[in-house]
N, C-alpha and C. Protein backbone atom coordinates (compact mmCIF):
# COMPACT_ATOMS: atom_id res chain seq x y z
N MET A 1 -122.77 -40.26 -44.58
CA MET A 1 -123.98 -39.62 -44.10
C MET A 1 -124.22 -38.27 -44.73
N ARG A 2 -123.39 -37.88 -45.64
CA ARG A 2 -123.58 -36.58 -46.27
C ARG A 2 -124.51 -36.66 -47.47
N GLY A 3 -124.86 -37.85 -47.95
CA GLY A 3 -125.70 -38.01 -49.14
C GLY A 3 -127.11 -37.46 -48.98
N PRO A 4 -127.86 -37.85 -47.96
CA PRO A 4 -129.24 -37.39 -47.84
C PRO A 4 -129.41 -35.88 -47.70
N PRO A 5 -128.58 -35.15 -46.94
CA PRO A 5 -128.79 -33.70 -46.89
C PRO A 5 -128.64 -33.04 -48.26
N GLN A 6 -127.72 -33.54 -49.09
CA GLN A 6 -127.56 -32.96 -50.42
C GLN A 6 -128.80 -33.23 -51.26
N GLN A 7 -129.39 -34.42 -51.13
CA GLN A 7 -130.60 -34.72 -51.88
C GLN A 7 -131.74 -33.83 -51.43
N ASN A 8 -131.87 -33.62 -50.13
CA ASN A 8 -132.93 -32.73 -49.64
C ASN A 8 -132.69 -31.30 -50.08
N GLN A 9 -131.42 -30.89 -50.09
CA GLN A 9 -131.11 -29.55 -50.53
C GLN A 9 -131.43 -29.39 -52.02
N GLY A 10 -131.13 -30.40 -52.82
CA GLY A 10 -131.45 -30.37 -54.25
C GLY A 10 -132.94 -30.36 -54.49
N LEU A 11 -133.69 -31.12 -53.71
CA LEU A 11 -135.14 -31.14 -53.83
C LEU A 11 -135.72 -29.78 -53.44
N GLY A 12 -135.21 -29.19 -52.38
CA GLY A 12 -135.68 -27.86 -51.96
C GLY A 12 -135.37 -26.81 -53.02
N SER A 13 -134.22 -26.91 -53.64
CA SER A 13 -133.85 -25.97 -54.70
C SER A 13 -134.77 -26.12 -55.91
N ALA A 14 -135.07 -27.36 -56.27
CA ALA A 14 -135.97 -27.61 -57.41
C ALA A 14 -137.38 -27.11 -57.10
N LEU A 15 -137.85 -27.36 -55.89
CA LEU A 15 -139.19 -26.89 -55.51
C LEU A 15 -139.26 -25.37 -55.49
N SER A 16 -138.21 -24.73 -54.99
CA SER A 16 -138.23 -23.26 -54.97
C SER A 16 -138.16 -22.71 -56.39
N ALA A 17 -137.44 -23.39 -57.28
CA ALA A 17 -137.37 -22.94 -58.67
C ALA A 17 -138.74 -23.06 -59.34
N TRP A 18 -139.44 -24.18 -59.12
CA TRP A 18 -140.77 -24.35 -59.71
C TRP A 18 -141.77 -23.38 -59.10
N PHE A 19 -141.62 -23.09 -57.80
CA PHE A 19 -142.49 -22.11 -57.16
C PHE A 19 -142.28 -20.73 -57.78
N GLY A 20 -141.02 -20.35 -57.99
CA GLY A 20 -140.72 -19.07 -58.62
C GLY A 20 -141.26 -18.99 -60.03
N PHE A 21 -141.14 -20.09 -60.79
CA PHE A 21 -141.67 -20.15 -62.15
C PHE A 21 -143.18 -19.98 -62.13
N ALA A 22 -143.86 -20.67 -61.21
CA ALA A 22 -145.32 -20.58 -61.11
C ALA A 22 -145.76 -19.17 -60.69
N MET A 23 -144.98 -18.53 -59.81
CA MET A 23 -145.31 -17.16 -59.41
C MET A 23 -145.22 -16.20 -60.59
N LEU A 24 -144.18 -16.33 -61.39
CA LEU A 24 -144.02 -15.45 -62.55
C LEU A 24 -145.07 -15.72 -63.61
N LEU A 25 -145.44 -16.99 -63.79
CA LEU A 25 -146.50 -17.32 -64.75
C LEU A 25 -147.83 -16.72 -64.30
N THR A 26 -148.10 -16.81 -63.01
CA THR A 26 -149.32 -16.22 -62.48
C THR A 26 -149.31 -14.71 -62.64
N ALA A 27 -148.16 -14.09 -62.39
CA ALA A 27 -148.05 -12.64 -62.56
C ALA A 27 -148.26 -12.23 -64.01
N HIS A 28 -147.83 -13.08 -64.94
CA HIS A 28 -148.00 -12.76 -66.35
C HIS A 28 -149.49 -12.63 -66.72
N PHE A 29 -150.29 -13.52 -66.18
CA PHE A 29 -151.71 -13.51 -66.53
C PHE A 29 -152.56 -12.67 -65.57
N ALA A 30 -152.05 -12.36 -64.38
CA ALA A 30 -152.84 -11.59 -63.42
C ALA A 30 -152.42 -10.12 -63.35
N VAL A 31 -151.14 -9.83 -63.42
CA VAL A 31 -150.65 -8.47 -63.24
C VAL A 31 -150.43 -7.76 -64.57
N ARG A 32 -149.89 -8.47 -65.55
CA ARG A 32 -149.55 -7.84 -66.83
C ARG A 32 -150.74 -7.17 -67.53
N PRO A 33 -151.93 -7.77 -67.52
CA PRO A 33 -153.06 -7.09 -68.19
C PRO A 33 -153.44 -5.75 -67.56
N LEU A 34 -153.07 -5.55 -66.31
CA LEU A 34 -153.37 -4.28 -65.65
C LEU A 34 -152.55 -3.13 -66.22
N PHE A 35 -151.39 -3.44 -66.77
CA PHE A 35 -150.48 -2.43 -67.33
C PHE A 35 -150.32 -2.64 -68.82
N ASN A 36 -151.41 -2.81 -69.52
CA ASN A 36 -151.37 -3.09 -70.95
C ASN A 36 -150.96 -1.84 -71.72
N GLY A 37 -149.92 -1.96 -72.50
CA GLY A 37 -149.44 -0.84 -73.29
C GLY A 37 -148.48 -1.34 -74.36
N ARG A 38 -147.86 -0.42 -75.06
CA ARG A 38 -146.91 -0.80 -76.12
C ARG A 38 -145.64 -1.40 -75.55
N ALA A 39 -145.18 -0.87 -74.44
CA ALA A 39 -143.97 -1.39 -73.79
C ALA A 39 -144.38 -1.89 -72.41
N ASN A 40 -144.43 -3.20 -72.28
CA ASN A 40 -144.84 -3.76 -71.00
C ASN A 40 -143.86 -4.85 -70.56
N VAL A 41 -143.96 -5.20 -69.30
CA VAL A 41 -143.08 -6.21 -68.72
C VAL A 41 -143.59 -7.59 -69.11
N ASP A 42 -142.67 -8.47 -69.48
CA ASP A 42 -143.02 -9.83 -69.88
C ASP A 42 -142.53 -10.81 -68.82
N PHE A 43 -143.43 -11.21 -67.94
CA PHE A 43 -143.08 -12.10 -66.85
C PHE A 43 -142.71 -13.50 -67.35
N ILE A 44 -143.27 -13.90 -68.47
CA ILE A 44 -142.97 -15.24 -68.99
C ILE A 44 -141.53 -15.34 -69.45
N VAL A 45 -141.01 -14.30 -70.08
CA VAL A 45 -139.61 -14.33 -70.50
C VAL A 45 -138.71 -14.38 -69.28
N ILE A 46 -139.05 -13.64 -68.23
CA ILE A 46 -138.26 -13.70 -67.00
C ILE A 46 -138.30 -15.11 -66.43
N ALA A 47 -139.48 -15.72 -66.40
CA ALA A 47 -139.61 -17.08 -65.87
C ALA A 47 -138.78 -18.07 -66.68
N ILE A 48 -138.84 -17.96 -68.00
CA ILE A 48 -138.08 -18.87 -68.86
C ILE A 48 -136.58 -18.68 -68.65
N LEU A 49 -136.12 -17.44 -68.62
CA LEU A 49 -134.69 -17.18 -68.46
C LEU A 49 -134.18 -17.61 -67.09
N PHE A 50 -134.94 -17.32 -66.04
CA PHE A 50 -134.51 -17.72 -64.71
C PHE A 50 -134.53 -19.23 -64.53
N SER A 51 -135.46 -19.92 -65.17
CA SER A 51 -135.49 -21.37 -65.04
C SER A 51 -134.49 -22.04 -65.97
N ALA A 52 -134.23 -21.45 -67.12
CA ALA A 52 -133.31 -22.06 -68.08
C ALA A 52 -131.89 -22.16 -67.53
N VAL A 53 -131.51 -21.23 -66.68
CA VAL A 53 -130.15 -21.29 -66.13
C VAL A 53 -129.99 -22.42 -65.13
N ARG A 54 -131.07 -23.02 -64.73
CA ARG A 54 -131.03 -24.15 -63.79
C ARG A 54 -131.13 -25.49 -64.51
N MET A 55 -131.28 -25.49 -65.83
CA MET A 55 -131.53 -26.72 -66.57
C MET A 55 -130.48 -26.95 -67.65
N ARG A 56 -130.47 -28.19 -68.12
CA ARG A 56 -129.68 -28.50 -69.31
C ARG A 56 -130.41 -27.93 -70.52
N PRO A 57 -129.69 -27.68 -71.62
CA PRO A 57 -130.31 -27.04 -72.79
C PRO A 57 -131.54 -27.77 -73.34
N GLY A 58 -131.53 -29.09 -73.38
CA GLY A 58 -132.68 -29.82 -73.91
C GLY A 58 -133.93 -29.65 -73.07
N LEU A 59 -133.78 -29.77 -71.76
CA LEU A 59 -134.92 -29.59 -70.86
C LEU A 59 -135.39 -28.15 -70.86
N ALA A 60 -134.46 -27.21 -70.97
CA ALA A 60 -134.84 -25.80 -71.04
C ALA A 60 -135.65 -25.53 -72.31
N ALA A 61 -135.23 -26.11 -73.43
CA ALA A 61 -135.97 -25.93 -74.68
C ALA A 61 -137.36 -26.54 -74.58
N LEU A 62 -137.47 -27.69 -73.94
CA LEU A 62 -138.78 -28.31 -73.74
C LEU A 62 -139.67 -27.44 -72.86
N THR A 63 -139.12 -26.87 -71.81
CA THR A 63 -139.88 -25.97 -70.95
C THR A 63 -140.34 -24.75 -71.73
N GLY A 64 -139.45 -24.18 -72.53
CA GLY A 64 -139.83 -23.03 -73.36
C GLY A 64 -140.90 -23.39 -74.37
N PHE A 65 -140.78 -24.58 -74.96
CA PHE A 65 -141.77 -25.04 -75.94
C PHE A 65 -143.15 -25.20 -75.30
N LEU A 66 -143.21 -25.86 -74.14
CA LEU A 66 -144.50 -26.08 -73.48
C LEU A 66 -145.12 -24.77 -72.99
N THR A 67 -144.28 -23.87 -72.49
CA THR A 67 -144.79 -22.56 -72.08
C THR A 67 -145.28 -21.78 -73.29
N GLY A 68 -144.55 -21.86 -74.39
CA GLY A 68 -144.97 -21.20 -75.62
C GLY A 68 -146.27 -21.74 -76.16
N LEU A 69 -146.47 -23.06 -76.04
CA LEU A 69 -147.75 -23.64 -76.46
C LEU A 69 -148.90 -23.10 -75.63
N ALA A 70 -148.66 -22.92 -74.34
CA ALA A 70 -149.71 -22.36 -73.48
C ALA A 70 -150.05 -20.93 -73.91
N ILE A 71 -149.03 -20.16 -74.27
CA ILE A 71 -149.28 -18.79 -74.74
C ILE A 71 -149.98 -18.82 -76.10
N ASP A 72 -149.53 -19.72 -76.97
CA ASP A 72 -150.11 -19.81 -78.31
C ASP A 72 -151.57 -20.25 -78.29
N ALA A 73 -151.96 -20.97 -77.26
CA ALA A 73 -153.35 -21.38 -77.17
C ALA A 73 -154.27 -20.17 -77.03
N LEU A 74 -153.73 -19.07 -76.53
CA LEU A 74 -154.51 -17.85 -76.37
C LEU A 74 -154.50 -16.97 -77.62
N ALA A 75 -153.60 -17.28 -78.57
CA ALA A 75 -153.49 -16.50 -79.80
C ALA A 75 -153.46 -17.45 -81.00
N PRO A 76 -154.61 -17.98 -81.39
CA PRO A 76 -154.62 -18.98 -82.45
C PRO A 76 -154.18 -18.47 -83.82
N GLY A 77 -154.18 -17.16 -84.03
CA GLY A 77 -153.77 -16.61 -85.32
C GLY A 77 -152.30 -16.81 -85.61
N SER A 78 -151.50 -16.91 -84.56
CA SER A 78 -150.06 -17.11 -84.73
C SER A 78 -149.60 -18.34 -83.96
N PHE A 79 -150.40 -19.39 -84.03
CA PHE A 79 -150.11 -20.59 -83.25
C PHE A 79 -148.76 -21.19 -83.63
N GLY A 80 -147.94 -21.43 -82.64
CA GLY A 80 -146.64 -22.04 -82.83
C GLY A 80 -145.49 -21.06 -82.77
N ALA A 81 -145.76 -19.79 -82.98
CA ALA A 81 -144.68 -18.79 -82.99
C ALA A 81 -144.04 -18.66 -81.61
N ALA A 82 -144.83 -18.51 -80.56
CA ALA A 82 -144.28 -18.36 -79.21
C ALA A 82 -143.58 -19.64 -78.77
N ALA A 83 -144.12 -20.79 -79.16
CA ALA A 83 -143.48 -22.06 -78.81
C ALA A 83 -142.09 -22.16 -79.43
N LEU A 84 -141.98 -21.78 -80.68
CA LEU A 84 -140.69 -21.82 -81.36
C LEU A 84 -139.72 -20.82 -80.75
N VAL A 85 -140.16 -19.61 -80.56
CA VAL A 85 -139.26 -18.56 -80.06
C VAL A 85 -138.85 -18.83 -78.62
N LEU A 86 -139.78 -19.22 -77.76
CA LEU A 86 -139.41 -19.51 -76.37
C LEU A 86 -138.51 -20.74 -76.28
N SER A 87 -138.68 -21.70 -77.16
CA SER A 87 -137.76 -22.84 -77.20
C SER A 87 -136.34 -22.39 -77.50
N LEU A 88 -136.22 -21.53 -78.50
CA LEU A 88 -134.89 -21.03 -78.87
C LEU A 88 -134.28 -20.15 -77.79
N VAL A 89 -135.08 -19.29 -77.19
CA VAL A 89 -134.59 -18.41 -76.13
C VAL A 89 -134.15 -19.24 -74.92
N ALA A 90 -134.95 -20.22 -74.53
CA ALA A 90 -134.60 -21.05 -73.37
C ALA A 90 -133.36 -21.89 -73.65
N PHE A 91 -133.26 -22.45 -74.85
CA PHE A 91 -132.09 -23.24 -75.21
C PHE A 91 -130.83 -22.37 -75.17
N GLY A 92 -130.93 -21.19 -75.78
CA GLY A 92 -129.78 -20.28 -75.78
C GLY A 92 -129.41 -19.81 -74.39
N ALA A 93 -130.40 -19.53 -73.56
CA ALA A 93 -130.13 -19.09 -72.19
C ALA A 93 -129.44 -20.18 -71.39
N SER A 94 -129.90 -21.40 -71.55
CA SER A 94 -129.28 -22.51 -70.83
C SER A 94 -127.86 -22.76 -71.31
N TRP A 95 -127.66 -22.63 -72.59
CA TRP A 95 -126.34 -22.86 -73.16
C TRP A 95 -125.36 -21.76 -72.76
N LEU A 96 -125.84 -20.51 -72.65
CA LEU A 96 -124.98 -19.38 -72.32
C LEU A 96 -124.90 -19.08 -70.83
N LYS A 97 -125.52 -19.90 -69.99
CA LYS A 97 -125.61 -19.56 -68.56
C LYS A 97 -124.25 -19.39 -67.89
N ALA A 98 -123.27 -20.16 -68.29
CA ALA A 98 -121.96 -20.05 -67.66
C ALA A 98 -121.28 -18.74 -68.04
N VAL A 99 -121.60 -18.21 -69.20
CA VAL A 99 -120.95 -17.00 -69.66
C VAL A 99 -121.61 -15.76 -69.07
N PHE A 100 -122.94 -15.68 -69.11
CA PHE A 100 -123.63 -14.45 -68.77
C PHE A 100 -124.32 -14.44 -67.42
N PHE A 101 -124.89 -15.53 -66.99
CA PHE A 101 -125.74 -15.49 -65.80
C PHE A 101 -124.90 -15.74 -64.55
N ALA A 102 -124.10 -14.75 -64.21
CA ALA A 102 -123.32 -14.82 -62.99
C ALA A 102 -124.17 -14.25 -61.85
N ASP A 103 -123.57 -14.12 -60.70
CA ASP A 103 -124.30 -13.56 -59.58
C ASP A 103 -124.17 -12.04 -59.57
N HIS A 104 -123.86 -11.48 -60.71
CA HIS A 104 -123.70 -10.04 -60.86
C HIS A 104 -125.00 -9.46 -61.41
N VAL A 105 -125.51 -8.44 -60.74
CA VAL A 105 -126.82 -7.89 -61.07
C VAL A 105 -126.84 -7.25 -62.46
N ALA A 106 -125.80 -6.52 -62.82
CA ALA A 106 -125.77 -5.86 -64.12
C ALA A 106 -125.74 -6.88 -65.26
N LEU A 107 -124.98 -7.96 -65.11
CA LEU A 107 -124.95 -8.99 -66.14
C LEU A 107 -126.30 -9.68 -66.27
N THR A 108 -126.97 -9.87 -65.15
CA THR A 108 -128.31 -10.46 -65.19
C THR A 108 -129.27 -9.54 -65.93
N GLY A 109 -129.18 -8.24 -65.68
CA GLY A 109 -130.03 -7.29 -66.40
C GLY A 109 -129.77 -7.31 -67.89
N LEU A 110 -128.51 -7.35 -68.29
CA LEU A 110 -128.18 -7.42 -69.72
C LEU A 110 -128.65 -8.73 -70.34
N PHE A 111 -128.53 -9.81 -69.59
CA PHE A 111 -128.97 -11.13 -70.04
C PHE A 111 -130.48 -11.13 -70.31
N VAL A 112 -131.24 -10.59 -69.38
CA VAL A 112 -132.70 -10.54 -69.53
C VAL A 112 -133.08 -9.56 -70.64
N PHE A 113 -132.39 -8.43 -70.73
CA PHE A 113 -132.65 -7.46 -71.79
C PHE A 113 -132.46 -8.13 -73.16
N GLY A 114 -131.36 -8.82 -73.34
CA GLY A 114 -131.09 -9.50 -74.61
C GLY A 114 -132.11 -10.58 -74.93
N GLY A 115 -132.48 -11.37 -73.92
CA GLY A 115 -133.47 -12.42 -74.14
C GLY A 115 -134.84 -11.88 -74.51
N LYS A 116 -135.25 -10.83 -73.83
CA LYS A 116 -136.56 -10.22 -74.12
C LYS A 116 -136.57 -9.54 -75.48
N TRP A 117 -135.49 -8.85 -75.82
CA TRP A 117 -135.42 -8.17 -77.12
C TRP A 117 -135.41 -9.19 -78.24
N LEU A 118 -134.67 -10.27 -78.07
CA LEU A 118 -134.66 -11.34 -79.06
C LEU A 118 -136.06 -11.94 -79.22
N PHE A 119 -136.74 -12.15 -78.11
CA PHE A 119 -138.11 -12.68 -78.15
C PHE A 119 -139.03 -11.75 -78.92
N ASP A 120 -138.98 -10.46 -78.62
CA ASP A 120 -139.85 -9.49 -79.29
C ASP A 120 -139.56 -9.38 -80.78
N VAL A 121 -138.28 -9.33 -81.14
CA VAL A 121 -137.92 -9.23 -82.56
C VAL A 121 -138.40 -10.47 -83.31
N ALA A 122 -138.14 -11.63 -82.75
CA ALA A 122 -138.55 -12.87 -83.42
C ALA A 122 -140.06 -12.98 -83.54
N MET A 123 -140.78 -12.63 -82.48
CA MET A 123 -142.25 -12.69 -82.53
C MET A 123 -142.81 -11.70 -83.54
N THR A 124 -142.24 -10.51 -83.60
CA THR A 124 -142.72 -9.50 -84.55
C THR A 124 -142.49 -9.97 -85.99
N LEU A 125 -141.33 -10.53 -86.24
CA LEU A 125 -141.02 -10.98 -87.60
C LEU A 125 -141.80 -12.24 -87.98
N LEU A 126 -142.00 -13.15 -87.03
CA LEU A 126 -142.73 -14.38 -87.33
C LEU A 126 -144.23 -14.17 -87.50
N THR A 127 -144.80 -13.30 -86.70
CA THR A 127 -146.25 -13.12 -86.75
C THR A 127 -146.67 -12.04 -87.73
N GLY A 128 -145.74 -11.26 -88.23
CA GLY A 128 -146.08 -10.19 -89.16
C GLY A 128 -146.91 -9.13 -88.50
N GLY A 129 -146.60 -8.83 -87.24
CA GLY A 129 -147.39 -7.88 -86.48
C GLY A 129 -147.27 -6.44 -86.92
N ALA A 130 -146.23 -6.11 -87.69
CA ALA A 130 -146.03 -4.73 -88.11
C ALA A 130 -145.34 -4.72 -89.47
N SER A 131 -145.44 -3.58 -90.16
CA SER A 131 -144.76 -3.44 -91.45
C SER A 131 -144.38 -1.99 -91.66
N GLY A 132 -143.37 -1.75 -92.47
CA GLY A 132 -142.96 -0.39 -92.82
C GLY A 132 -142.43 0.38 -91.63
N THR A 133 -142.92 1.60 -91.48
CA THR A 133 -142.48 2.47 -90.40
C THR A 133 -142.88 1.89 -89.05
N SER A 134 -144.03 1.25 -89.01
CA SER A 134 -144.48 0.63 -87.77
C SER A 134 -143.52 -0.49 -87.34
N LEU A 135 -142.99 -1.23 -88.29
CA LEU A 135 -142.02 -2.29 -87.99
C LEU A 135 -140.75 -1.69 -87.40
N ALA A 136 -140.26 -0.61 -88.01
CA ALA A 136 -139.06 0.04 -87.49
C ALA A 136 -139.29 0.59 -86.09
N ALA A 137 -140.44 1.20 -85.86
CA ALA A 137 -140.74 1.74 -84.53
C ALA A 137 -140.87 0.61 -83.50
N THR A 138 -141.47 -0.48 -83.92
CA THR A 138 -141.61 -1.61 -83.00
C THR A 138 -140.26 -2.21 -82.65
N LEU A 139 -139.42 -2.44 -83.66
CA LEU A 139 -138.14 -3.10 -83.42
C LEU A 139 -137.11 -2.20 -82.76
N LEU A 140 -137.16 -0.89 -83.04
CA LEU A 140 -136.12 0.00 -82.54
C LEU A 140 -136.55 0.89 -81.37
N LEU A 141 -137.84 0.97 -81.09
CA LEU A 141 -138.30 1.80 -79.98
C LEU A 141 -139.04 0.99 -78.92
N TRP A 142 -140.16 0.40 -79.31
CA TRP A 142 -141.01 -0.27 -78.33
C TRP A 142 -140.40 -1.56 -77.79
N SER A 143 -139.77 -2.32 -78.64
CA SER A 143 -139.16 -3.57 -78.19
C SER A 143 -138.00 -3.34 -77.22
N PRO A 144 -137.07 -2.42 -77.51
CA PRO A 144 -136.01 -2.16 -76.52
C PRO A 144 -136.54 -1.57 -75.21
N LEU A 145 -137.57 -0.74 -75.32
CA LEU A 145 -138.16 -0.18 -74.11
C LEU A 145 -138.81 -1.27 -73.26
N SER A 146 -139.52 -2.17 -73.91
CA SER A 146 -140.12 -3.30 -73.21
C SER A 146 -139.05 -4.20 -72.60
N ALA A 147 -137.98 -4.42 -73.35
CA ALA A 147 -136.87 -5.24 -72.84
C ALA A 147 -136.21 -4.58 -71.63
N ALA A 148 -136.08 -3.26 -71.67
CA ALA A 148 -135.47 -2.55 -70.55
C ALA A 148 -136.36 -2.63 -69.30
N LEU A 149 -137.66 -2.48 -69.47
CA LEU A 149 -138.58 -2.60 -68.33
C LEU A 149 -138.56 -4.02 -67.76
N THR A 150 -138.53 -5.01 -68.64
CA THR A 150 -138.48 -6.40 -68.19
C THR A 150 -137.17 -6.67 -67.45
N ALA A 151 -136.06 -6.17 -67.98
CA ALA A 151 -134.77 -6.37 -67.32
C ALA A 151 -134.73 -5.68 -65.96
N LEU A 152 -135.31 -4.49 -65.87
CA LEU A 152 -135.34 -3.77 -64.60
C LEU A 152 -136.15 -4.55 -63.56
N LEU A 153 -137.30 -5.06 -63.96
CA LEU A 153 -138.10 -5.85 -63.03
C LEU A 153 -137.39 -7.16 -62.66
N ALA A 154 -136.70 -7.78 -63.61
CA ALA A 154 -135.97 -9.01 -63.33
C ALA A 154 -134.87 -8.77 -62.30
N VAL A 155 -134.19 -7.64 -62.42
CA VAL A 155 -133.13 -7.31 -61.46
C VAL A 155 -133.74 -7.07 -60.08
N VAL A 156 -134.88 -6.39 -60.03
CA VAL A 156 -135.55 -6.17 -58.75
C VAL A 156 -135.99 -7.50 -58.14
N LEU A 157 -136.59 -8.37 -58.95
CA LEU A 157 -137.01 -9.68 -58.45
C LEU A 157 -135.82 -10.50 -57.97
N LEU A 158 -134.74 -10.46 -58.73
CA LEU A 158 -133.55 -11.22 -58.34
C LEU A 158 -132.97 -10.69 -57.04
N THR A 159 -133.04 -9.40 -56.83
CA THR A 159 -132.52 -8.80 -55.61
C THR A 159 -133.41 -9.11 -54.41
N VAL A 160 -134.72 -8.99 -54.60
CA VAL A 160 -135.65 -9.21 -53.49
C VAL A 160 -135.79 -10.69 -53.15
N PHE A 161 -135.90 -11.53 -54.16
CA PHE A 161 -136.11 -12.97 -53.94
C PHE A 161 -134.86 -13.77 -54.30
N ARG A 162 -133.70 -13.33 -53.87
CA ARG A 162 -132.44 -13.95 -54.26
C ARG A 162 -132.39 -15.46 -54.04
N PRO A 163 -132.81 -16.00 -52.92
CA PRO A 163 -132.71 -17.46 -52.76
C PRO A 163 -133.61 -18.24 -53.74
N LEU A 164 -134.68 -17.62 -54.14
CA LEU A 164 -135.63 -18.31 -55.02
C LEU A 164 -135.12 -18.41 -56.45
N TYR A 165 -134.44 -17.38 -56.93
CA TYR A 165 -134.05 -17.33 -58.33
C TYR A 165 -132.56 -17.47 -58.58
N ARG A 166 -131.77 -17.70 -57.55
CA ARG A 166 -130.34 -17.83 -57.74
C ARG A 166 -130.02 -19.11 -58.49
N PRO A 167 -129.14 -19.04 -59.50
CA PRO A 167 -128.77 -20.25 -60.22
C PRO A 167 -127.95 -21.16 -59.32
N PRO A 168 -127.99 -22.46 -59.56
CA PRO A 168 -127.25 -23.38 -58.72
C PRO A 168 -125.74 -23.19 -58.89
N THR A 169 -125.00 -23.40 -57.83
CA THR A 169 -123.55 -23.32 -57.90
C THR A 169 -123.00 -24.74 -57.94
N ASN A 170 -122.24 -25.00 -58.98
CA ASN A 170 -121.68 -26.36 -59.14
C ASN A 170 -120.22 -26.36 -58.80
């Protein structure tokens, strides 16, 4: 008789994970434009990283790819770049989840910082968004600052909404 409660618990966990993903996606398009600047919080990277730790690497890469396609639809000049980068970030996050994504807040912050910085560096290099001194400033100043803000918000979200974003314990 222990089978059905575990299935319901797994279904509830999956639904809460998708709800959290949908909330962060909505925040990306509703809240992020209000704070438009050089260093801003990226809710999509948080959503991808938090969901990737709950998935196998292949499914995480597919989720990153489909989310990247949705972002790329809004930027036709660099179509495919976000899909490729988010696929790689999600795959790497899922693969590294046992090593980095513990229930420790500082490790989670470092994990999100690294994922966001990798995303920014890859997007800057793939899309050719900057060159020369502007490239150095983007990669060494604005991108780490944006990654730090994103990591700080991710830690706050993880602390406030712990049951929603906690990775599954196996």
